[in-house]
Amino acid sequence: MTHIRHDPARLRGLALATLFPGFEGRTAPPAWLARMAAEGLGGVVLFGRNIDPDRGDAGVAALTDALHAAGPDLLVAVDEEGGDVTRLDVAHGSSLPGNAALGVLDDPAATEQVAAELGSRLRACGVDLNFAPVADVDANRHNPVIGVRSFGFDADLVARHVAAFVTGQQSQGVAATAKHFPGHGGTTEDSHVTVPVLDEPLDVVRGRELPPFEAAVKAGAGVVMTAHIRVPALDDVPATLSPAVITGVLRDELGYDGVVMTDGLDMHAISRTVGHAEGAVLALSAGVDALCVGGDTTGPELIESMVTALVDAVRSGRLPERRLAEAASRVRSLRRRLGDVTPAPLARGAAATAAGRVVVAHGDVALGGSPLVLELQERLSFAAGRIPWGVGTSLAARVAGTVVVPVTADGPDVRRAVAAHPDRPVVVAVRGVRREPWQVDAVSRLRAERPGLVVVDHGVDTPAEVLGERYVLAHGASRVTAEAAADLLAADSP
């Protein structure tokens, strides 16, 4: 039997090149991260914890300068979808209309302009790679994690906006990421906490889930991110770990030759099943190139365990060295590709313009006085985290004396709040109604007390009985769409 001799330093460098950890810190990389960056770490992921709200984009730029100084080939990534999911605007809410709003507007040129505006901002912040756009079709109204993050319910609509977003963002030299392959929108569970199942026939998967990813591939997306979901029509293991899904469908059928990255390996679909280290080996064996980790874990021990697992897998023959080298090469070539991009000319203001076009009023919603705003809260989303939302803050900035009251499912009866302010017009902000049925009853009880109340819908697919006759559709919970809604409500106020 012939024993293959492997260069330990080379294997370690190749393994590190596939890893994208998160970390703690807002001003400089910790010592362990700087050391790994110098050894050839593929990239890092910025989370909300890395953003200094007092310094804003200037603080992000200073941090990325320090990261790139530690590792000149390092890719800095962030999860900046806009709408309900933001990192740069974690303190105040997103300055971009989300995908649901852009899908309703259905102007691909506007989507491209918004994405270009985002790309320009990210590049100025020193970010190389953004985990957007979401390419999932919002196919299941009970899905707990996609919803307004999707461009919509129709595969063709989603496909054209995914292509526009990829084109716009990458025109500024920031790689786009189409996610979550092969499609998370039709599931009823969240891969942050379990392994969701997309239990659909193969023809439905091909006809509904895949077209947006085909569009992303044709548009030249720098990255495709996998979903930790099981698709029985394709394989019995999660897509992230499936050669049939990654190599068979994405590589061979769709012809994608760019970087394939996992969704966060800290998510329970991986971390509490096969585990981080084994998940890394299985993902690379399936055809993945980059391993995203660090949502929950931020120290060097876990990263070292993953490096060790990859090196040991090569030495044992489980993972061919050429596969590890191919993965590392794709990650490194993405950095070179981005460096060759000269940003296209850009006109500012696309995001605010799009928000103003898509946020619309039904009925007479002008309040004419200082309102009571009741904001009905949905459960915290693992994807979005704790981000400010709602029309209340924006309305208070426009109408003096506005009172804003957050309302939870297990809080006091909403009628008490109304009774305490008998002379005020009432605004009820709802979010995630299709996943929070208690909000339907709450609005019904409020309307019985105040028939003229105005509903501001920060979600999608909200029942007509909740909206009533006077309502504003904000199509998501971004700050910019909330401001557009507040403009409509404050129209006649002194």
Protein backbone atom coordinates (compact mmCIF):
# COMPACT_ATOMS: atom_id res chain seq x y z
CA MET A 1 0.00 0.00 0.00
CA THR A 2 1.34 3.42 -0.99
CA HIS A 3 1.26 6.10 1.69
CA ILE A 4 0.83 9.65 0.41
CA ARG A 5 2.99 12.22 2.17
CA HIS A 6 1.20 15.49 2.83
CA ASP A 7 2.88 18.78 3.65
CA PRO A 8 1.40 19.74 7.07
CA ALA A 9 1.91 23.49 6.56
CA ARG A 10 0.27 23.36 3.13
CA LEU A 11 -2.72 21.41 4.43
CA ARG A 12 -3.19 23.83 7.31
CA GLY A 13 -3.07 26.78 4.93
CA LEU A 14 -5.61 25.19 2.60
CA ALA A 15 -7.94 24.37 5.49
CA LEU A 16 -7.72 27.91 6.89
CA ALA A 17 -8.52 29.35 3.45
CA THR A 18 -11.97 27.74 3.57
CA LEU A 19 -12.95 29.25 6.93
CA PHE A 20 -14.96 32.41 7.64
CA PRO A 21 -15.26 32.86 11.43
CA GLY A 22 -16.91 35.62 13.40
CA PHE A 23 -15.20 37.32 16.33
CA GLU A 24 -15.70 39.73 19.21
CA GLY A 25 -14.45 43.29 18.87
CA ARG A 26 -15.26 46.60 17.21
CA THR A 27 -11.86 48.20 16.62
CA ALA A 28 -9.33 45.50 15.78
CA PRO A 29 -9.14 41.72 15.30
CA PRO A 30 -8.28 39.69 18.40
CA ALA A 31 -4.79 38.22 18.48
CA TRP A 32 -5.90 34.72 17.47
CA LEU A 33 -7.71 36.05 14.42
CA ALA A 34 -4.79 38.22 13.33
CA ARG A 35 -2.52 35.19 13.60
CA MET A 36 -4.83 33.03 11.47
CA ALA A 37 -5.26 35.84 8.95
CA ALA A 38 -1.49 35.96 8.49
CA GLU A 39 -1.53 32.18 7.94
CA GLY A 40 -4.05 32.44 5.10
CA LEU A 41 -7.53 32.51 6.68
CA GLY A 42 -10.15 32.80 3.96
CA GLY A 43 -12.29 35.48 5.53
CA VAL A 44 -14.25 36.79 8.47
CA VAL A 45 -17.91 37.60 9.05
CA LEU A 46 -19.03 40.82 10.70
CA PHE A 47 -22.08 40.66 12.95
CA GLY A 48 -24.05 43.35 14.75
CA ARG A 49 -21.75 42.94 17.75
CA ASN A 50 -18.87 44.29 15.61
CA ILE A 51 -20.64 47.54 14.73
CA ASP A 52 -19.99 50.57 16.93
CA PRO A 53 -23.22 52.62 16.75
CA ASP A 54 -21.37 55.78 17.84
CA ARG A 55 -18.87 55.57 14.97
CA GLY A 56 -21.12 54.14 12.27
CA ASP A 57 -19.60 53.39 8.88
CA ALA A 58 -16.34 55.11 9.81
CA GLY A 59 -15.88 52.62 12.62
CA VAL A 60 -16.59 49.71 10.29
CA ALA A 61 -14.05 51.04 7.78
CA ALA A 62 -11.40 51.35 10.51
CA LEU A 63 -12.08 47.77 11.61
CA THR A 64 -11.89 46.36 8.08
CA ASP A 65 -8.65 48.29 7.49
CA ALA A 66 -7.19 46.49 10.51
CA LEU A 67 -8.50 43.15 9.26
CA HIS A 68 -7.04 43.60 5.79
CA ALA A 69 -3.73 44.70 7.31
CA ALA A 70 -3.63 41.44 9.28
CA GLY A 71 -4.41 39.37 6.17
CA PRO A 72 -4.14 41.10 2.78
CA ASP A 73 -6.00 38.23 1.10
CA LEU A 74 -8.74 38.15 3.73
CA LEU A 75 -12.34 38.53 2.55
CA VAL A 76 -14.53 40.57 4.91
CA ALA A 77 -18.17 39.46 4.76
CA VAL A 78 -21.35 40.81 6.29
CA ASP A 79 -25.03 39.86 6.31
CA GLU A 80 -26.62 43.07 5.03
CA GLU A 81 -29.86 42.13 3.30
CA GLY A 82 -31.68 45.38 3.95
CA GLY A 83 -35.23 45.49 5.27
CA ASP A 84 -35.61 43.31 8.35
CA VAL A 85 -32.02 42.00 8.33
CA THR A 86 -29.24 44.54 8.82
CA ARG A 87 -25.87 44.68 10.52
CA LEU A 88 -24.58 48.13 9.56
CA ASP A 89 -27.83 49.72 10.77
CA VAL A 90 -28.30 47.46 13.78
CA ALA A 91 -28.83 50.43 16.09
CA HIS A 92 -31.57 52.21 14.13
CA GLY A 93 -33.05 49.87 11.52
CA SER A 94 -32.21 49.47 7.86
CA SER A 95 -31.89 52.40 5.47
CA LEU A 96 -32.92 50.06 2.62
CA PRO A 97 -36.36 48.80 1.67
CA GLY A 98 -36.33 45.02 2.07
CA ASN A 99 -36.81 42.42 -0.60
CA ALA A 100 -40.57 42.15 -0.04
CA ALA A 101 -40.95 45.87 -0.74
CA LEU A 102 -38.78 45.68 -3.86
CA GLY A 103 -40.73 42.68 -5.08
CA VAL A 104 -44.05 44.50 -4.67
CA LEU A 105 -42.64 47.49 -6.54
CA ASP A 106 -41.47 45.00 -9.19
CA ASP A 107 -39.12 47.40 -10.93
CA PRO A 108 -35.89 45.44 -11.53
CA ALA A 109 -34.09 48.66 -12.47
CA ALA A 110 -34.96 50.08 -9.04
CA THR A 111 -33.77 46.87 -7.35
CA GLU A 112 -30.48 47.11 -9.26
CA GLN A 113 -30.05 50.74 -8.20
CA VAL A 114 -30.80 49.97 -4.54
CA ALA A 115 -28.31 47.09 -4.60
CA ALA A 116 -25.70 49.30 -6.24
CA GLU A 117 -26.23 51.93 -3.55
CA LEU A 118 -25.74 49.24 -0.92
CA GLY A 119 -22.67 47.90 -2.71
CA SER A 120 -21.12 51.37 -2.79
CA ARG A 121 -21.66 51.79 0.93
CA LEU A 122 -20.24 48.34 1.69
CA ARG A 123 -17.16 48.97 -0.44
CA ALA A 124 -16.56 52.29 1.35
CA CYS A 125 -16.76 50.33 4.62
CA GLY A 126 -14.13 47.87 3.37
CA VAL A 127 -16.56 44.96 3.00
CA ASP A 128 -15.77 42.52 0.19
CA LEU A 129 -18.66 40.08 0.34
CA ASN A 130 -22.31 40.50 1.29
CA PHE A 131 -24.66 37.64 2.18
CA ALA A 132 -27.44 38.93 -0.08
CA PRO A 133 -29.72 38.59 -1.95
CA VAL A 134 -32.15 36.05 -0.52
CA ALA A 135 -33.18 33.91 -3.50
CA ASP A 136 -35.82 31.90 -1.65
CA VAL A 137 -39.39 31.99 -2.90
CA ASP A 138 -41.87 32.83 -0.11
CA ALA A 139 -43.85 29.69 -0.85
CA ASN A 140 -45.13 28.78 2.61
CA ARG A 141 -47.05 31.32 4.68
CA HIS A 142 -46.06 29.44 7.87
CA ASN A 143 -42.33 29.71 7.20
CA PRO A 144 -40.79 31.22 10.36
CA VAL A 145 -37.57 32.57 8.88
CA ILE A 146 -38.00 33.81 5.28
CA GLY A 147 -41.21 35.84 4.83
CA VAL A 148 -40.41 39.49 4.04
CA ARG A 149 -36.79 38.54 3.33
CA SER A 150 -38.00 37.09 0.02
CA PHE A 151 -38.84 39.15 -3.06
CA GLY A 152 -42.19 37.38 -3.22
CA PHE A 153 -44.40 34.39 -3.88
CA ASP A 154 -43.68 33.92 -7.60
CA ALA A 155 -40.51 32.19 -8.80
CA ASP A 156 -40.16 34.30 -11.94
CA LEU A 157 -40.55 37.55 -9.99
CA VAL A 158 -37.98 36.43 -7.45
CA ALA A 159 -35.61 35.37 -10.23
CA ARG A 160 -35.63 38.72 -12.02
CA HIS A 161 -35.02 40.65 -8.80
CA VAL A 162 -32.26 38.29 -7.68
CA ALA A 163 -30.49 38.88 -11.00
CA ALA A 164 -30.96 42.65 -10.69
CA PHE A 165 -29.65 42.68 -7.11
CA VAL A 166 -26.58 40.61 -8.01
CA THR A 167 -25.82 42.88 -10.96
CA GLY A 168 -26.25 46.09 -8.98
CA GLN A 169 -24.23 45.11 -5.93
CA GLN A 170 -21.39 43.54 -7.89
CA SER A 171 -21.12 46.64 -10.11
CA GLN A 172 -19.52 48.24 -7.04
CA GLY A 173 -16.96 45.48 -6.50
CA VAL A 174 -18.75 43.71 -3.64
CA ALA A 175 -19.56 40.04 -4.20
CA ALA A 176 -23.19 38.99 -3.94
CA THR A 177 -24.42 35.80 -2.27
CA ALA A 178 -27.55 34.06 -3.50
CA LYS A 179 -29.09 32.12 -0.60
CA HIS A 180 -30.28 29.59 0.65
CA PHE A 181 -29.73 26.88 -1.98
CA PRO A 182 -31.74 24.95 -3.09
CA GLY A 183 -34.51 27.04 -1.47
CA HIS A 184 -35.64 27.54 2.14
CA GLY A 185 -38.91 29.36 1.47
CA GLY A 186 -41.18 26.33 1.25
CA THR A 187 -40.28 24.92 4.67
CA THR A 188 -42.20 25.29 7.93
CA GLU A 189 -39.24 25.25 10.32
CA ASP A 190 -36.09 27.27 10.95
CA SER A 191 -32.66 25.71 10.39
CA HIS A 192 -31.33 27.81 13.27
CA VAL A 193 -33.09 25.36 15.59
CA THR A 194 -33.71 22.12 13.65
CA VAL A 195 -33.34 20.45 10.24
CA PRO A 196 -36.28 21.69 8.16
CA VAL A 197 -37.67 19.47 5.42
CA LEU A 198 -38.74 20.71 1.99
CA ASP A 199 -41.11 17.84 1.30
CA GLU A 200 -42.06 18.61 -2.30
CA PRO A 201 -41.92 16.54 -5.51
CA LEU A 202 -38.88 17.03 -7.70
CA ASP A 203 -40.85 18.92 -10.34
CA VAL A 204 -41.94 21.48 -7.72
CA VAL A 205 -38.37 21.90 -6.49
CA ARG A 206 -37.13 22.42 -10.04
CA GLY A 207 -39.98 24.69 -11.09
CA ARG A 208 -40.34 26.81 -7.96
CA GLU A 209 -37.14 26.76 -5.90
CA LEU A 210 -34.38 26.62 -8.52
CA PRO A 211 -35.22 29.43 -11.03
CA PRO A 212 -33.97 32.28 -8.78
CA PHE A 213 -30.67 30.44 -8.31
CA GLU A 214 -30.40 29.84 -12.04
CA ALA A 215 -30.85 33.59 -12.49
CA ALA A 216 -28.13 34.27 -9.92
CA VAL A 217 -25.74 31.93 -11.70
CA LYS A 218 -26.41 33.62 -15.05
CA ALA A 219 -25.88 37.03 -13.44
CA GLY A 220 -22.45 35.90 -12.22
CA ALA A 221 -23.06 35.77 -8.47
CA GLY A 222 -19.76 35.50 -6.65
CA VAL A 223 -21.18 33.17 -3.99
CA VAL A 224 -24.08 30.78 -3.52
CA MET A 225 -24.92 29.93 0.10
CA THR A 226 -26.38 26.57 1.04
CA ALA A 227 -29.41 25.79 3.18
CA HIS A 228 -29.29 23.36 6.11
CA ILE A 229 -32.52 21.78 4.92
CA ARG A 230 -33.34 18.27 3.81
CA VAL A 231 -34.95 17.84 0.39
CA PRO A 232 -36.08 14.20 0.13
CA ALA A 233 -36.63 14.52 -3.62
CA LEU A 234 -32.87 15.13 -3.96
CA ASP A 235 -31.18 13.48 -0.96
CA ASP A 236 -31.72 12.29 2.60
CA VAL A 237 -29.10 14.56 4.20
CA PRO A 238 -29.12 18.36 4.60
CA ALA A 239 -28.31 20.20 1.38
CA THR A 240 -25.15 21.69 2.91
CA LEU A 241 -23.74 18.17 3.29
CA SER A 242 -25.16 16.65 0.09
CA PRO A 243 -23.02 15.85 -2.98
CA ALA A 244 -26.26 15.26 -4.89
CA VAL A 245 -27.44 18.81 -4.16
CA ILE A 246 -24.16 20.76 -4.27
CA THR A 247 -22.19 18.90 -6.92
CA GLY A 248 -25.06 17.25 -8.75
CA VAL A 249 -27.57 20.11 -9.00
CA LEU A 250 -25.68 23.35 -8.39
CA ARG A 251 -22.39 22.48 -10.06
CA ASP A 252 -23.36 20.01 -12.79
CA GLU A 253 -26.93 20.99 -13.67
CA LEU A 254 -26.84 24.76 -13.13
CA GLY A 255 -23.21 25.05 -14.20
CA TYR A 256 -22.09 27.12 -11.23
CA ASP A 257 -18.32 27.39 -10.81
CA GLY A 258 -18.10 30.14 -8.20
CA VAL A 259 -17.71 29.93 -4.43
CA VAL A 260 -20.23 27.80 -2.58
CA MET A 261 -20.49 28.75 1.09
CA THR A 262 -22.37 27.11 3.93
CA ASP A 263 -24.94 28.93 5.95
CA GLY A 264 -23.73 29.37 9.53
CA LEU A 265 -22.44 26.09 10.93
CA ASP A 266 -23.41 27.24 14.42
CA MET A 267 -27.04 26.75 13.43
CA HIS A 268 -28.51 23.75 15.21
CA ALA A 269 -29.24 21.89 11.97
CA ILE A 270 -25.47 21.27 11.82
CA SER A 271 -23.93 22.08 15.20
CA ARG A 272 -26.34 19.84 17.14
CA THR A 273 -26.42 16.99 14.62
CA VAL A 274 -23.07 16.16 12.99
CA GLY A 275 -21.24 19.00 14.74
CA HIS A 276 -19.00 21.77 13.41
CA ALA A 277 -15.89 19.71 12.67
CA GLU A 278 -17.62 16.78 10.97
CA GLY A 279 -19.92 19.22 9.21
CA ALA A 280 -16.87 20.97 7.75
CA VAL A 281 -15.52 17.71 6.33
CA LEU A 282 -18.86 16.59 4.93
CA ALA A 283 -19.60 20.00 3.41
CA LEU A 284 -16.28 20.19 1.58
CA SER A 285 -16.69 16.60 0.43
CA ALA A 286 -20.09 17.57 -1.00
CA GLY A 287 -18.57 20.39 -3.08
CA VAL A 288 -18.73 23.38 -0.73
CA ASP A 289 -15.75 25.78 -0.72
CA ALA A 290 -16.25 28.11 2.25
CA LEU A 291 -17.39 27.44 5.81
CA CYS A 292 -19.29 30.18 7.62
CA VAL A 293 -19.06 29.98 11.41
CA GLY A 294 -19.16 32.36 14.33
CA GLY A 295 -22.75 33.40 14.91
CA ASP A 296 -22.66 31.88 18.38
CA THR A 297 -19.02 30.87 18.78
CA THR A 298 -16.20 33.37 18.51
CA GLY A 299 -13.04 31.81 19.91
CA PRO A 300 -10.05 30.06 18.30
CA GLU A 301 -10.66 26.63 19.81
CA LEU A 302 -13.56 25.74 17.54
CA ILE A 303 -11.79 27.05 14.44
CA GLU A 304 -8.68 25.01 15.29
CA SER A 305 -10.85 21.91 15.74
CA MET A 306 -12.27 22.41 12.26
CA VAL A 307 -8.82 22.88 10.76
CA THR A 308 -7.65 19.70 12.47
CA ALA A 309 -10.69 17.78 11.20
CA LEU A 310 -10.06 18.87 7.62
CA VAL A 311 -6.35 18.06 7.76
CA ASP A 312 -7.03 14.65 9.35
CA ALA A 313 -9.68 13.92 6.69
CA VAL A 314 -7.14 14.53 3.94
CA ARG A 315 -4.52 12.38 5.65
CA SER A 316 -6.99 9.52 6.14
CA GLY A 317 -8.24 9.69 2.57
CA ARG A 318 -11.79 10.79 3.45
CA LEU A 319 -11.28 14.16 1.77
CA PRO A 320 -9.07 14.33 -1.34
CA GLU A 321 -6.38 16.97 -1.08
CA ARG A 322 -7.30 18.20 -4.56
CA ARG A 323 -10.85 18.94 -3.31
CA LEU A 324 -9.51 20.97 -0.40
CA ALA A 325 -7.11 22.77 -2.75
CA GLU A 326 -9.93 23.48 -5.21
CA ALA A 327 -12.05 25.00 -2.44
CA ALA A 328 -9.19 27.19 -1.21
CA SER A 329 -8.44 28.28 -4.77
CA ARG A 330 -12.02 29.39 -5.40
CA VAL A 331 -12.03 31.51 -2.25
CA ARG A 332 -8.72 33.13 -3.13
CA SER A 333 -9.73 33.76 -6.74
CA LEU A 334 -12.84 35.62 -5.56
CA ARG A 335 -10.62 38.12 -3.76
CA ARG A 336 -8.60 38.67 -6.95
CA ARG A 337 -11.78 39.02 -9.02
CA LEU A 338 -13.12 41.73 -6.74
CA GLY A 339 -9.87 43.63 -6.91
CA ASP A 340 -10.29 43.97 -10.67
CA VAL A 341 -13.65 45.76 -10.44
CA THR A 342 -13.85 49.50 -11.01
CA PRO A 343 -17.08 50.71 -9.38
CA ALA A 344 -19.71 51.90 -11.84
CA PRO A 345 -21.00 55.49 -11.60
CA LEU A 346 -23.77 55.77 -9.05
CA ALA A 347 -26.67 58.14 -8.42
CA ARG A 348 -27.64 58.40 -4.74
CA GLY A 349 -31.10 58.24 -3.24
CA ALA A 350 -32.39 55.06 -4.87
CA ALA A 351 -33.39 53.41 -1.58
CA ALA A 352 -35.46 56.34 -0.30
CA THR A 353 -37.08 56.79 -3.71
CA ALA A 354 -38.05 53.12 -3.88
CA ALA A 355 -39.50 53.26 -0.36
CA GLY A 356 -41.58 56.31 -1.24
CA ARG A 357 -42.94 54.58 -4.33
CA VAL A 358 -43.89 51.28 -2.69
CA VAL A 359 -45.32 52.39 0.67
CA VAL A 360 -48.96 53.21 -0.04
CA ALA A 361 -52.07 54.21 1.91
CA HIS A 362 -55.53 52.73 1.55
CA GLY A 363 -58.32 55.00 2.72
CA ASP A 364 -57.80 58.29 4.51
CA VAL A 365 -54.93 57.61 6.91
CA ALA A 366 -53.96 61.18 7.83
CA LEU A 367 -54.21 61.43 11.62
CA GLY A 368 -54.61 65.15 12.16
CA GLY A 369 -53.27 64.98 15.72
CA SER A 370 -50.91 63.31 18.18
CA PRO A 371 -51.56 59.56 18.01
CA LEU A 372 -51.30 56.55 20.25
CA VAL A 373 -49.17 53.99 18.39
CA LEU A 374 -49.49 50.36 19.49
CA GLU A 375 -46.72 48.19 18.05
CA LEU A 376 -47.63 44.49 18.15
CA GLN A 377 -44.41 42.54 18.60
CA GLU A 378 -43.51 39.28 16.88
CA ARG A 379 -41.11 36.74 18.33
CA LEU A 380 -37.42 37.49 17.89
CA SER A 381 -36.08 36.24 14.56
CA PHE A 382 -32.76 34.38 14.70
CA ALA A 383 -31.85 35.76 11.28
CA ALA A 384 -32.64 39.40 12.02
CA GLY A 385 -31.78 39.59 15.70
CA ARG A 386 -32.98 42.47 17.86
CA ILE A 387 -33.34 45.41 15.45
CA PRO A 388 -35.45 48.54 16.08
CA TRP A 389 -38.61 48.50 13.95
CA GLY A 390 -42.02 50.09 13.68
CA VAL A 391 -43.61 53.32 12.55
CA GLY A 392 -43.73 54.75 16.08
CA THR A 393 -40.26 56.32 16.25
CA SER A 394 -40.59 57.90 12.81
CA LEU A 395 -44.06 59.21 13.59
CA ALA A 396 -42.91 60.67 16.90
CA ALA A 397 -40.22 62.60 15.01
CA ARG A 398 -42.94 64.14 12.83
CA VAL A 399 -45.84 64.63 15.23
CA ALA A 400 -45.17 66.10 18.66
CA GLY A 401 -46.75 64.27 21.57
CA THR A 402 -46.95 60.87 19.87
CA VAL A 403 -47.16 58.03 22.41
CA VAL A 404 -45.67 54.66 21.42
CA VAL A 405 -46.58 51.48 23.32
CA PRO A 406 -45.05 48.07 22.48
CA VAL A 407 -47.52 45.20 22.90
CA THR A 408 -46.61 41.54 23.33
CA ALA A 409 -48.70 38.38 23.16
CA ASP A 410 -48.54 37.87 26.91
CA GLY A 411 -48.80 41.55 27.84
CA PRO A 412 -51.80 43.47 29.25
CA ASP A 413 -55.06 43.78 27.33
CA VAL A 414 -54.56 46.30 24.50
CA ARG A 415 -57.91 47.93 25.30
CA ARG A 416 -56.41 49.35 28.50
CA ALA A 417 -53.88 51.35 26.50
CA VAL A 418 -56.63 52.74 24.30
CA ALA A 419 -58.82 53.59 27.29
CA ALA A 420 -55.95 55.55 28.83
CA HIS A 421 -55.83 57.82 25.76
CA PRO A 422 -59.48 58.39 24.80
CA ASP A 423 -58.93 61.47 22.64
CA ARG A 424 -56.02 60.30 20.50
CA PRO A 425 -56.17 58.76 17.04
CA VAL A 426 -54.94 55.17 17.21
CA VAL A 427 -52.33 53.54 14.98
CA VAL A 428 -51.71 49.81 15.24
CA ALA A 429 -48.44 48.52 13.77
CA VAL A 430 -48.48 44.80 13.00
CA ARG A 431 -45.62 42.54 12.00
CA GLY A 432 -45.55 38.86 11.18
CA VAL A 433 -49.32 38.39 11.53
CA ARG A 434 -49.30 35.12 9.62
CA ARG A 435 -46.95 33.68 12.25
CA GLU A 436 -48.51 35.53 15.19
CA PRO A 437 -52.26 34.76 15.15
CA TRP A 438 -52.76 36.56 18.47
CA GLN A 439 -52.34 39.82 16.56
CA VAL A 440 -55.52 39.10 14.58
CA ASP A 441 -57.55 38.96 17.78
CA ALA A 442 -55.79 42.01 19.23
CA VAL A 443 -56.64 44.16 16.22
CA SER A 444 -60.23 42.92 16.26
CA ARG A 445 -60.63 43.91 19.91
CA LEU A 446 -59.01 47.29 19.29
CA ARG A 447 -61.22 48.00 16.30
CA ALA A 448 -64.30 47.30 18.41
CA GLU A 449 -63.15 50.10 20.73
CA ARG A 450 -61.85 52.45 18.01
CA PRO A 451 -63.45 51.71 14.64
CA GLY A 452 -61.42 54.45 12.95
CA LEU A 453 -57.98 53.11 13.87
CA VAL A 454 -55.26 52.93 11.21
CA VAL A 455 -53.21 49.77 10.68
CA VAL A 456 -49.60 49.93 9.49
CA ASP A 457 -48.57 46.54 8.16
CA HIS A 458 -44.85 45.78 8.44
CA GLY A 459 -45.30 42.23 7.13
CA VAL A 460 -46.68 40.50 4.05
CA ASP A 461 -49.80 38.52 3.22
CA THR A 462 -51.75 40.04 6.10
CA PRO A 463 -55.48 39.12 6.18
CA ALA A 464 -57.98 41.73 5.01
CA GLU A 465 -59.84 41.59 8.33
CA VAL A 466 -56.71 42.82 10.08
CA LEU A 467 -56.03 45.63 7.61
CA GLY A 468 -59.59 46.98 7.65
CA GLU A 469 -60.48 50.06 5.60
CA ARG A 470 -57.68 52.44 6.70
CA TYR A 471 -54.18 51.04 6.42
CA VAL A 472 -50.64 51.57 5.15
CA LEU A 473 -48.58 48.78 3.62
CA ALA A 474 -44.90 49.14 4.58
CA HIS A 475 -43.90 45.70 3.21
CA GLY A 476 -41.33 45.03 5.92
CA ALA A 477 -39.75 46.61 8.96
CA SER A 478 -36.96 48.75 7.57
CA ARG A 479 -36.47 52.27 8.91
CA VAL A 480 -36.79 53.81 5.44
CA THR A 481 -40.20 52.25 4.77
CA ALA A 482 -41.35 53.20 8.29
CA GLU A 483 -40.38 56.79 7.53
CA ALA A 484 -42.38 56.71 4.29
CA ALA A 485 -45.39 55.36 6.22
CA ALA A 486 -45.00 58.06 8.86
CA ASP A 487 -45.02 60.74 6.15
CA LEU A 488 -48.45 59.53 5.04
CA LEU A 489 -49.86 59.41 8.57
CA ALA A 490 -48.49 62.84 9.50
CA ALA A 491 -49.78 64.58 6.37
CA ASP A 492 -52.42 66.73 8.14
CA SER A 493 -50.80 67.01 11.56
CA PRO A 494 -49.74 70.41 12.88
